Protein backbone atom coordinates (compact mmCIF):
# COMPACT_ATOMS: atom_id res chain seq x y z
CA MET A 1 4.67 18.87 27.10
CA ILE A 2 1.52 16.80 26.95
CA SER A 3 0.13 15.10 23.83
CA ASP A 4 -2.53 12.60 22.84
CA VAL A 5 -0.13 11.14 20.25
CA TYR A 6 3.53 10.24 20.12
CA PHE A 7 5.73 7.49 18.72
CA PRO A 8 5.25 4.62 17.98
CA ARG A 9 2.21 6.40 16.46
CA VAL A 10 3.69 7.90 13.29
CA ASN A 11 2.33 11.28 12.19
CA GLY A 12 3.31 14.92 11.91
CA VAL A 13 2.54 15.74 15.53
CA SER A 14 4.84 12.99 16.80
CA THR A 15 7.57 14.17 14.45
CA SER A 16 7.17 17.80 15.52
CA ILE A 17 7.36 16.95 19.22
CA GLU A 18 10.42 14.76 18.79
CA THR A 19 12.20 17.36 16.65
CA PHE A 20 11.59 20.25 19.03
CA ARG A 21 12.45 18.23 22.16
CA HIS A 22 15.76 17.12 20.66
CA ASP A 23 16.84 20.65 19.75
CA LEU A 24 15.51 22.22 22.96
CA HIS A 25 17.68 19.74 24.87
CA ASP A 26 20.72 20.80 22.86
CA LEU A 27 19.91 24.42 23.74
CA GLY A 28 19.85 23.59 27.46
CA ILE A 29 16.07 23.48 27.87
CA ALA A 30 14.78 20.39 29.67
CA THR A 31 11.33 19.05 28.76
CA ALA A 32 9.13 16.25 30.00
CA LEU A 33 6.49 14.76 27.69
CA ILE A 34 3.25 13.18 28.88
CA ALA A 35 1.93 10.82 26.17
CA PRO A 36 -0.19 7.67 25.76
CA ASP A 37 1.08 4.18 26.40
CA TYR A 38 0.56 2.05 23.27
CA ALA A 39 0.53 -1.31 25.02
CA ALA A 40 0.11 -3.34 21.81
CA ALA A 41 3.11 -1.61 20.20
CA PRO A 42 5.44 -0.52 23.00
CA ALA A 43 7.94 2.21 22.18
CA PRO A 44 11.58 2.27 23.30
CA ALA A 45 12.05 4.01 26.64
CA GLU A 46 13.00 7.68 26.31
CA PRO A 47 14.25 10.03 29.01
CA ASP A 48 11.49 12.20 30.47
CA VAL A 49 8.67 10.61 28.46
CA ILE A 50 5.90 9.75 30.90
CA ARG A 51 3.57 7.10 29.44
CA ILE A 52 -0.06 7.18 30.57
CA PRO A 53 -2.45 4.17 30.44
CA ALA A 54 -4.79 4.68 27.48
CA ARG A 55 -7.92 3.18 25.93
CA PHE A 56 -8.34 1.86 22.37
CA LEU A 57 -10.47 4.03 20.04
CA PRO A 58 -12.79 2.01 17.73
CA LEU A 59 -13.23 4.86 15.19
CA ASP A 60 -9.48 5.49 14.96
CA PRO A 61 -7.58 2.31 15.90
CA GLU A 62 -4.14 3.92 15.47
CA ASP A 63 -4.79 6.36 18.33
CA ARG A 64 -5.39 6.02 22.07
CA MET A 65 -7.32 7.99 24.71
CA MET A 66 -5.28 8.69 27.83
CA ARG A 67 -6.88 8.26 31.25
CA LEU A 68 -7.20 11.49 33.22
CA ALA A 69 -6.65 10.10 36.72
CA PRO A 70 -2.99 9.04 36.19
CA ILE A 71 -2.22 12.47 34.71
CA ARG A 72 -3.73 14.23 37.73
CA GLU A 73 -1.61 12.03 39.99
CA LEU A 74 1.52 13.59 38.42
CA THR A 75 0.76 17.04 39.87
CA ALA A 76 2.87 16.73 43.03
CA ARG A 77 5.81 15.28 41.08
CA LEU A 78 5.70 18.07 38.50
CA ARG A 79 5.42 20.71 41.24
CA GLU A 80 8.57 19.39 42.89
CA GLN A 81 10.46 19.62 39.60
CA ARG A 82 9.49 23.29 39.22
CA TYR A 83 8.46 23.34 35.58
CA ASP A 84 7.96 26.78 34.05
CA LEU A 85 5.03 26.20 31.69
CA ILE A 86 2.73 23.65 30.13
CA HIS A 87 2.83 23.23 26.34
CA ILE A 88 -0.23 21.41 24.98
CA GLN A 89 0.09 19.70 21.57
CA THR A 90 -3.33 18.13 20.85
CA PRO A 91 -6.98 19.08 21.51
CA PHE A 92 -8.36 16.00 23.24
CA VAL A 93 -7.56 14.63 26.71
CA ALA A 94 -4.19 16.41 26.57
CA HIS A 95 -5.85 19.80 26.22
CA TYR A 96 -8.08 19.49 29.27
CA ALA A 97 -5.42 17.74 31.35
CA GLY A 98 -2.90 20.39 30.34
CA ILE A 99 -5.25 23.17 31.45
CA GLU A 100 -5.74 21.43 34.82
CA LEU A 101 -2.01 20.93 35.32
CA ALA A 102 -1.18 24.53 34.45
CA ASP A 103 -3.81 25.81 36.89
CA ALA A 104 -2.58 23.47 39.63
CA LEU A 105 1.05 24.48 39.09
CA GLY A 106 0.32 28.16 38.58
CA VAL A 107 2.23 28.34 35.27
CA PRO A 108 1.37 29.65 31.78
CA ARG A 109 -0.32 27.30 29.31
CA ILE A 110 0.33 27.42 25.59
CA GLU A 111 -0.88 25.18 22.81
CA THR A 112 0.27 24.24 19.32
CA TYR A 113 -2.56 23.94 16.81
CA HIS A 114 -1.30 21.15 14.54
CA THR A 115 -4.42 19.90 12.75
CA PHE A 116 -6.93 21.58 10.44
CA PHE A 117 -9.98 19.88 11.96
CA GLU A 118 -12.53 21.70 9.79
CA GLU A 119 -11.45 19.59 6.81
CA TYR A 120 -10.54 16.52 8.84
CA LEU A 121 -13.38 15.30 11.04
CA PHE A 122 -15.83 14.14 8.37
CA HIS A 123 -13.34 11.55 7.13
CA TYR A 124 -13.61 9.82 10.52
CA VAL A 125 -17.26 10.50 11.37
CA PRO A 126 -18.86 10.05 7.92
CA PHE A 127 -22.33 9.33 9.31
CA LEU A 128 -22.80 12.97 10.43
CA PRO A 129 -23.50 15.90 8.07
CA ARG A 130 -20.34 17.60 6.82
CA ARG A 131 -21.74 21.09 7.49
CA TRP A 132 -22.48 20.17 11.10
CA LEU A 133 -18.98 18.76 11.61
CA ARG A 134 -17.34 21.86 10.15
CA GLY A 135 -19.38 24.07 12.45
CA PHE A 136 -18.47 21.91 15.42
CA ALA A 137 -14.76 22.01 14.52
CA ARG A 138 -14.80 25.82 14.29
CA ARG A 139 -16.57 26.23 17.64
CA PHE A 140 -14.40 23.59 19.29
CA SER A 141 -11.21 25.27 18.05
CA ARG A 142 -12.43 28.74 19.07
CA ILE A 143 -13.27 27.66 22.62
CA GLN A 144 -10.03 25.76 23.14
CA GLY A 145 -7.90 28.46 21.53
CA ASN A 146 -9.28 31.06 23.92
CA GLN A 147 -8.58 28.85 26.96
CA VAL A 148 -4.79 29.16 26.72
CA ASP A 149 -2.41 32.06 27.22
CA ALA A 150 -1.02 31.84 23.69
CA LEU A 151 -1.12 29.65 20.60
CA ILE A 152 1.62 28.42 18.33
CA VAL A 153 0.50 27.84 14.74
CA PRO A 154 2.71 26.29 12.04
CA SER A 155 1.63 28.58 9.19
CA ARG A 156 0.13 31.95 8.35
CA ALA A 157 -2.89 30.26 6.80
CA MET A 158 -3.72 28.53 10.07
CA ARG A 159 -3.39 31.77 12.01
CA GLU A 160 -5.78 33.47 9.58
CA ARG A 161 -8.30 30.65 9.86
CA LEU A 162 -8.25 30.63 13.67
CA ALA A 163 -8.73 34.38 13.73
CA GLN A 164 -11.78 33.90 11.49
CA TYR A 165 -13.11 31.39 14.02
CA GLY A 166 -12.90 34.03 16.75
CA VAL A 167 -9.69 33.02 18.54
CA ARG A 168 -8.47 36.16 20.28
CA ARG A 169 -5.44 34.87 22.15
CA PRO A 170 -1.95 35.83 20.87
CA MET A 171 -0.87 33.58 18.00
CA HIS A 172 2.76 32.99 17.06
CA VAL A 173 3.65 31.46 13.68
CA LEU A 174 6.37 28.88 14.25
CA PRO A 175 6.79 25.91 11.89
CA THR A 176 8.58 22.73 12.84
CA GLY A 177 12.09 22.69 11.48
CA ILE A 178 13.95 19.93 9.68
CA PRO A 179 16.72 17.99 11.44
CA LEU A 180 19.00 18.34 8.44
CA ALA A 181 21.56 15.82 9.68
CA ARG A 182 18.94 13.09 9.45
CA PHE A 183 17.99 14.01 5.90
CA ALA A 184 21.32 13.59 4.21
CA GLY A 185 22.85 10.80 2.18
CA GLY A 186 20.36 8.06 1.42
CA ASP A 187 20.66 5.14 -0.99
CA GLY A 188 17.99 5.34 -3.66
CA ALA A 189 19.54 2.48 -5.64
CA ALA A 190 19.30 0.16 -2.63
CA PHE A 191 15.65 1.09 -2.14
CA ARG A 192 14.88 0.38 -5.81
CA ALA A 193 16.64 -2.99 -5.60
CA ARG A 194 14.76 -3.86 -2.40
CA PHE A 195 11.37 -3.26 -3.98
CA GLY A 196 12.18 -4.44 -7.51
CA ILE A 197 12.07 -1.01 -9.16
CA ALA A 198 14.21 -0.82 -12.32
CA PRO A 199 17.11 1.68 -12.01
CA GLY A 200 15.89 4.00 -14.77
CA ARG A 201 12.16 3.77 -14.16
CA PRO A 202 10.49 7.22 -13.73
CA THR A 203 9.36 7.27 -10.11
CA VAL A 204 7.48 9.72 -7.93
CA ALA A 205 6.89 9.30 -4.20
CA TYR A 206 4.34 10.21 -1.55
CA VAL A 207 5.26 9.93 2.14
CA GLY A 208 2.77 10.33 4.98
CA ARG A 209 -0.28 8.83 6.58
CA VAL A 210 -2.41 6.89 4.13
CA ALA A 211 -5.50 8.74 5.26
CA PHE A 212 -8.48 10.16 3.41
CA GLU A 213 -7.71 13.77 4.31
CA LYS A 214 -4.30 13.48 2.61
CA ASN A 215 -6.00 13.46 -0.83
CA ILE A 216 -3.94 10.52 -2.12
CA ASP A 217 -6.78 9.51 -4.45
CA PHE A 218 -5.99 12.77 -6.31
CA LEU A 219 -2.40 11.54 -6.78
CA LEU A 220 -3.61 8.20 -8.14
CA ARG A 221 -5.87 9.90 -10.69
CA ALA A 222 -3.07 12.29 -11.68
CA THR A 223 -0.79 9.26 -12.11
CA ALA A 224 -3.35 7.64 -14.41
CA LEU A 225 -3.32 10.80 -16.55
CA ALA A 226 0.47 11.21 -16.52
CA ARG A 227 0.90 7.58 -17.56
CA ARG A 228 -0.39 8.52 -21.03
CA SER A 229 2.89 10.40 -21.59
CA VAL A 230 5.11 8.34 -19.27
CA PRO A 231 3.80 4.75 -19.60
CA ASP A 232 6.22 3.20 -17.08
CA LEU A 233 5.63 5.88 -14.41
CA LEU A 234 5.58 4.51 -10.84
CA LEU A 235 3.97 6.17 -7.82
CA VAL A 236 5.43 4.86 -4.54
CA VAL A 237 3.14 5.41 -1.54
CA THR A 238 4.99 5.21 1.78
CA GLY A 239 2.92 4.96 4.93
CA GLU A 240 -0.12 3.21 6.35
CA GLY A 241 -3.55 4.27 7.46
CA PRO A 242 -7.31 3.89 7.11
CA ALA A 243 -7.48 4.78 3.40
CA LEU A 244 -5.17 1.97 2.24
CA LYS A 245 -7.86 -0.52 1.14
CA SER A 246 -9.86 2.19 -0.61
CA LEU A 247 -6.79 3.39 -2.52
CA LYS A 248 -5.90 -0.11 -3.65
CA ARG A 249 -9.43 -0.52 -4.98
CA LEU A 250 -9.14 2.81 -6.80
CA ALA A 251 -5.85 1.73 -8.40
CA ARG A 252 -7.59 -1.37 -9.74
CA ARG A 253 -10.51 0.69 -11.09
CA LEU A 254 -8.09 3.06 -12.82
CA ARG A 255 -6.13 0.06 -14.13
CA ILE A 256 -2.86 1.41 -12.75
CA GLU A 257 -2.00 -1.45 -10.37
CA ASP A 258 1.37 -1.78 -12.14
CA ASN A 259 1.99 1.96 -11.74
CA VAL A 260 1.41 2.18 -7.96
CA LEU A 261 3.47 0.56 -5.21
CA PHE A 262 2.35 0.64 -1.55
CA VAL A 263 5.36 -0.02 0.70
CA GLY A 264 3.96 0.65 4.20
CA TYR A 265 5.85 2.43 6.96
CA LEU A 266 9.62 2.84 6.63
CA ASP A 267 12.03 3.49 9.46
CA ARG A 268 12.62 7.25 9.65
CA ARG A 269 16.33 6.85 10.31
CA SER A 270 17.19 4.62 7.37
CA GLY A 271 14.60 3.23 4.95
CA LEU A 272 12.60 6.44 4.70
CA VAL A 273 15.60 8.48 3.56
CA ASP A 274 16.39 5.81 0.94
CA GLY A 275 12.78 5.96 -0.22
CA TYR A 276 12.92 9.70 -0.78
CA CYS A 277 16.21 9.36 -2.68
CA ALA A 278 14.80 6.65 -4.95
CA ALA A 279 12.26 9.12 -6.37
CA ASP A 280 12.71 11.53 -9.26
CA ALA A 281 10.12 13.78 -7.65
CA PHE A 282 8.00 14.04 -4.51
CA VAL A 283 4.25 14.55 -4.99
CA PHE A 284 1.75 15.97 -2.52
CA ALA A 285 -1.84 17.19 -2.74
CA SER A 286 -3.23 17.33 0.81
CA ARG A 287 -5.86 20.02 1.44
CA THR A 288 -5.61 19.86 5.24
CA GLU A 289 -1.92 20.36 6.07
CA THR A 290 -1.07 22.98 8.63
CA GLN A 291 2.56 22.84 7.43
CA GLY A 292 3.69 19.90 5.26
CA LEU A 293 6.98 18.72 6.78
CA VAL A 294 7.39 15.97 4.20
CA LEU A 295 7.90 18.60 1.49
CA LEU A 296 10.91 19.93 3.35
CA GLU A 297 12.25 16.44 4.06
CA ALA A 298 12.20 15.66 0.35
CA MET A 299 13.79 18.99 -0.53
CA ALA A 300 16.56 18.52 2.03
CA LEU A 301 17.51 15.34 0.16
CA GLY A 302 17.50 17.09 -3.19
CA VAL A 303 14.20 15.65 -4.40
CA PRO A 304 12.16 18.27 -6.32
CA VAL A 305 8.50 18.62 -5.42
CA VAL A 306 5.24 18.74 -7.35
CA SER A 307 2.46 19.89 -5.04
CA THR A 308 -0.69 21.87 -4.63
CA ALA A 309 -0.43 24.88 -2.31
CA VAL A 310 -3.34 24.72 0.10
CA MET A 311 -3.34 25.86 3.75
CA GLY A 312 0.05 25.41 5.42
CA THR A 313 1.91 24.16 2.36
CA ARG A 314 1.64 27.69 0.93
CA ASP A 315 4.23 28.95 3.41
CA ILE A 316 6.74 26.42 2.05
CA LEU A 317 5.85 26.68 -1.62
CA ASP A 318 5.33 30.44 -1.94
CA ALA A 319 9.08 30.88 -2.38
CA GLY A 320 8.88 28.99 -5.69
CA ARG A 321 12.17 27.22 -5.03
CA GLY A 322 12.76 23.52 -5.65
CA ALA A 323 9.12 22.88 -6.48
CA LEU A 324 6.43 23.08 -9.14
CA VAL A 325 3.14 24.32 -7.76
CA SER A 326 -0.05 23.05 -9.36
CA PRO A 327 -3.61 24.22 -8.91
CA ASP A 328 -5.99 21.73 -7.32
CA ASN A 329 -6.60 20.13 -10.70
CA GLU A 330 -5.58 16.58 -11.65
CA GLU A 331 -4.84 17.31 -15.31
CA ASP A 332 -2.57 20.24 -14.50
CA PHE A 333 -0.88 18.25 -11.74
CA ALA A 334 -0.25 15.38 -14.17
CA SER A 335 1.26 17.76 -16.74
CA GLN A 336 3.64 19.16 -14.11
CA MET A 337 4.73 15.62 -13.22
CA VAL A 338 5.38 14.84 -16.88
CA ARG A 339 7.29 18.10 -17.38
CA LEU A 340 9.60 17.29 -14.49
CA LEU A 341 10.13 13.64 -15.39
CA GLN A 342 10.89 14.28 -19.05
CA ASN A 343 13.43 17.08 -18.53
CA GLY A 344 16.49 15.85 -16.65
CA GLU A 345 18.32 19.19 -16.78
CA PHE A 346 15.33 21.04 -15.36
CA ARG A 347 14.91 18.37 -12.68
CA ALA A 348 18.57 18.69 -11.65
CA ARG A 349 18.24 22.47 -11.33
CA LEU A 350 15.18 22.15 -9.10
CA ALA A 351 17.00 19.54 -7.00
CA LEU A 352 19.81 22.01 -6.26
CA GLU A 353 17.29 24.75 -5.43
CA ALA A 354 15.46 22.36 -3.10
CA ARG A 355 18.58 21.50 -1.10
CA ASP A 356 19.53 25.15 -0.66
CA TYR A 357 16.01 26.15 0.31
CA ALA A 358 15.63 23.39 2.93
CA GLN A 359 18.67 24.78 4.79
CA GLU A 360 16.55 27.80 5.74
CA TRP A 361 14.19 25.55 7.72
CA ASN A 362 16.84 24.19 10.08
CA ALA A 363 15.32 22.63 13.23
CA THR A 364 17.84 24.34 15.52
CA THR A 365 16.76 27.76 14.27
CA MET A 366 13.10 26.94 14.95
CA ALA A 367 13.93 25.63 18.43
CA ARG A 368 15.71 28.89 19.26
CA ARG A 369 12.60 30.78 18.20
CA LEU A 370 10.48 28.54 20.42
CA THR A 371 12.82 29.17 23.37
CA ASP A 372 12.52 32.92 22.83
CA PHE A 373 8.74 32.59 22.72
CA TYR A 374 8.69 30.60 25.96
CA ARG A 375 10.67 33.34 27.67
CA THR A 376 8.13 36.01 26.72
CA LEU A 377 5.57 34.13 28.83
CA LEU A 378 7.72 33.80 31.96
CA PRO A 379 8.32 36.33 34.75
CA SER A 380 11.39 38.48 34.29
CA ARG A 381 14.44 37.27 36.15
CA SER A 382 14.39 40.35 38.35
CA GLU A 383 11.06 39.19 39.74
CA GLU A 384 12.40 35.80 40.74
CA THR A 385 14.67 34.82 43.58
CA THR A 386 18.16 33.64 42.73
CA GLU A 387 17.23 30.17 43.94
CA ALA A 388 14.12 30.02 41.75
CA THR A 389 16.11 31.19 38.76
CA ASP A 390 18.71 28.46 39.25
CA LEU A 391 15.99 25.83 39.51
CA ARG A 392 13.88 27.07 36.64
CA GLN A 393 16.33 27.95 33.90
CA GLN A 394 16.84 24.30 32.87
CA ARG A 395 13.16 23.29 33.12
CA VAL A 396 10.48 24.02 30.54
CA SER A 397 7.51 21.68 30.34
CA GLY A 398 4.98 21.47 27.46
CA ALA A 399 1.64 19.83 26.79
CA THR A 400 0.23 18.73 23.40
CA THR A 401 -3.40 18.60 22.31
């Protein structure tokens, strides 16, 4: 695999890669990941993660741009290890380097389309016309999508949109699963005590990047409306990102500073689970999600959801289990929040539904589906020598864009 982002950079792509690699390993599929080196925030060493020197990006300081030369220098090493394919995860340096590596190694190249760039770019390049950026994103996605042998998309909505762009390569819908063992237990009371939240205070939570495309300003305005019926309502925003200062200013303008708590990043293996469990409901309103993993994380912990259903979140929410779906309207969203918070019996029923539903998104199941998809792209065993089969069966390599 090759990706322009990975931990310690926290986002959905990093989470997806980590989840799939873990379960592929358990299924006997070996992967190597090529990813940036974040020198200022070094990550713990991981087996088969190859860190590449990378440059700082002024417009997006959380990310890095890998250098091509060190990736090209890996070709001989990767050829010796007899990888079967290249799986690209992101559309920047990783995409073009992944194409080069696949050509040099003579193996198939596939790509996962994680990000809905049409509704994403203008948040980071605000000085260019939005119409121009949308057109660029469509053309960019069409060209890259047609450069690979096959695409993995996390939702039906994303497959439909790419087809509209003119992508003609085979597309396989495969969402990232939830590592259910990680999203169990949790100590909501400890989280509330840590951040000074009263035990009985009505609390809703958002988890994710604090970025403009996540539509968190919508959640703040809905909170201001819901506060009329639930005066002590608290919205806990977990995460960091470029929109943080803007959102704090908006909270002051709405006069809801006492109803919003920004807690920053939480460790995914401990504090984050406690944060989910401290909430009476999980709230989400992003218009750009290709899947919406955080919805499933909350559900797995028995936290009912209030969310809009736009793009990839539709695939999760269409089942109508464990969640209240609101139109993209702040007043309606606020009324759904109030309905859930004021009816404990209803909330408990949705919590049970949410837990049961999340079981259907098990990460191991999704990894098996990915393994089956990989095999469709490889030569049949009858076409390979016994020696090649023995060498290859434990090695699958992927690249991220």
